[in-house]
Amino acid sequence: MCWKGGIKCCQRVQYPAQHPRFWRNQCSIYLRIEDPKTLLLGVRSQILTRGKRVPNTITLLKANSVAPDSYSYNVWKRALAAVNDIFGVERVIDEMKRDGRVDSDCSTYSNLSSIYVSAGSFQKAEEALKELEKRNVHKDLAAFQFLVTLYGRMGNLLEGVEKCFQEWESENPTYNIRIMNILIEAYCKGSMLQKAKELKSKAQSKRAKANVKTWEIFMEYHLKNGDMNLAMDCIAKAISTGKKDARKKEDEPIYAPQVKDGECGG
């Protein structure tokens, strides 16, 4: 446990990459404990610049009969993507399929689609997103939000974002303003202000009130189109909303944990 705490501390302070002896020592220790791969890969991906040595760590794990899991494969792919090795990413996907032990889940395709979007490979990104859709992500807020965001980055509004929203709407009786903001922003970027306004009104009727981000989106639209009066109006509403949210947080009760005699935190 001491080494586990130490390795996490090094992860937080970004221990210099030019200390290979330190890293070899940690590997030799972690290969002797239960399920070392998660910490080893997570630490290496954050400690070492751009994750260039993650593939070497994978090789070391395999040599010591430590089979990669879903997390390991995802870290491996992100490390290769960080050095623009997209072909390497695809080789990892192929290996993962041949492996047979690890099922492709939401994280597999969300990571892959994000990598493709960043690389500008939008056709491949869309294929990965369609696989992600098959995993019923509209039932998971975080996964759905990620999916909609990626479609927005691709600029595929009508075929992607709106379809995702319809699926989300069919499963969720209440709205979430974070989801609505993604759609509102996509409409504004597509010069569809009226649709953005209608969506905001619809969200409000479902108790998803506009927040600071919502007004910021409309403000940017009006600034882009040279309408300073409407932009200033959005700024005023954003400030007012922000103050109301701050007051709500101040009014929330604070519950202190009960501490028995002789106990202390830490």
Foldseek 3Di string as FASTA:
>chain_A
DVLLVVLVVCLVVLPAPPCVVVLVVSLVVLLPDPPSQLSNLSSQCRNDPLSQCLVVVQVVCVVSVNDDEPNSLLSQLSSCLSVPNVVVNVVSVVVVVVVPPYDQALSNLLSNLVSCLVVVVNVVSVVSLVVNVVRVCLVPVVSLLSSLLSCLSVLVQPVGNVVSVVSNVVVDVADAVSSLLSNLLSCLVVVNNVVSVVSQVVNVVRVHHDALSSLVSVLVSCVVVVNVVSNVVSVVVNVVRVVVVVVVVVPDDDDDDDDDPPDDDD
